[in-house]
Amino acid sequence: MNTQKEVIAAIAKHLAVTPADIDISASLAEDLGLGPLEKADLLSNLSSQFKVTFDPLEVENIETVHDIVVMIEDLLIE
């Protein structure tokens, strides 16, 4: 399984939806309905699951599912 599919599956599980319900270009706030606390909770969960640490300054720029996928892929390469 590739990282994008793994991240989407993890987001779907966290939000109690199916991976098919998560579009790669979905906005966290508008499409998925995540407020700041829900976004922080999701990122904390993903951080634990993928064993990565998000830079707090970069987290502010995360707006879409694609942004999360790219950030996790970059952190896994490091």
Protein backbone atom coordinates (compact mmCIF):
# COMPACT_ATOMS: atom_id res chain seq x y z
CA MET A 1 0.00 0.00 0.00
CA ASN A 2 1.32 3.44 -0.85
CA THR A 3 1.56 6.31 1.60
CA GLN A 4 -1.32 8.26 0.05
CA LYS A 5 -3.71 5.32 0.45
CA GLU A 6 -2.47 4.66 3.99
CA VAL A 7 -2.97 8.31 5.00
CA ILE A 8 -6.45 8.45 3.44
CA ALA A 9 -7.37 5.19 5.16
CA ALA A 10 -6.14 6.57 8.50
CA ILE A 11 -8.08 9.82 8.04
CA ALA A 12 -11.20 7.88 7.09
CA LYS A 13 -10.88 5.64 10.13
CA HIS A 14 -10.38 8.66 12.40
CA LEU A 15 -13.47 10.35 10.96
CA ALA A 16 -15.52 7.11 10.94
CA VAL A 17 -16.10 7.18 7.18
CA THR A 18 -14.91 4.98 4.32
CA PRO A 19 -11.71 5.82 2.41
CA ALA A 20 -13.88 6.33 -0.68
CA ASP A 21 -15.49 9.27 1.14
CA ILE A 22 -12.12 11.06 1.41
CA ASP A 23 -11.05 12.97 -1.69
CA ILE A 24 -7.36 13.85 -1.98
CA SER A 25 -8.25 17.48 -2.74
CA ALA A 26 -10.79 17.76 0.09
CA SER A 27 -10.52 20.80 2.32
CA LEU A 28 -10.16 19.84 5.97
CA ALA A 29 -12.37 22.72 7.11
CA GLU A 30 -14.94 23.04 4.35
CA ASP A 31 -15.29 19.50 2.96
CA LEU A 32 -14.54 17.45 6.07
CA GLY A 33 -15.92 19.94 8.59
CA LEU A 34 -12.85 19.99 10.81
CA GLY A 35 -12.36 22.93 13.13
CA PRO A 36 -8.98 23.78 14.69
CA LEU A 37 -9.39 21.29 17.55
CA GLU A 38 -10.53 18.46 15.29
CA LYS A 39 -7.66 19.18 12.91
CA ALA A 40 -5.18 19.09 15.80
CA ASP A 41 -6.68 15.82 17.02
CA LEU A 42 -6.45 14.29 13.54
CA LEU A 43 -2.82 15.38 13.12
CA SER A 44 -1.94 14.04 16.56
CA ASN A 45 -3.47 10.70 15.62
CA LEU A 46 -1.60 10.62 12.30
CA SER A 47 1.63 11.64 14.02
CA SER A 48 1.35 8.65 16.34
CA GLN A 49 0.28 6.24 13.63
CA PHE A 50 3.02 7.16 11.13
CA LYS A 51 5.63 7.93 13.81
CA VAL A 52 6.34 11.42 12.49
CA THR A 53 6.50 14.83 14.16
CA PHE A 54 4.80 17.75 12.47
CA ASP A 55 6.48 21.15 12.56
CA PRO A 56 4.00 23.47 14.36
CA LEU A 57 4.72 26.26 11.87
CA GLU A 58 4.00 24.01 8.90
CA VAL A 59 0.81 22.64 10.48
CA GLU A 60 -0.74 26.09 10.11
CA ASN A 61 -0.45 25.72 6.31
CA ILE A 62 -2.23 22.36 6.14
CA GLU A 63 -5.59 22.93 4.48
CA THR A 64 -6.30 19.79 2.42
CA VAL A 65 -5.93 16.03 2.58
CA HIS A 66 -3.24 16.39 -0.10
CA ASP A 67 -1.26 18.74 2.18
CA ILE A 68 -1.27 16.06 4.90
CA VAL A 69 -0.19 13.33 2.47
CA VAL A 70 2.71 15.42 1.14
CA MET A 71 3.86 16.40 4.62
CA ILE A 72 3.83 12.80 5.88
CA GLU A 73 5.61 11.56 2.75
CA ASP A 74 8.30 14.23 3.23
CA LEU A 75 8.72 13.37 6.92
CA LEU A 76 8.99 9.65 6.19
CA ILE A 77 11.81 10.31 3.71
CA GLU A 78 13.86 12.28 6.25
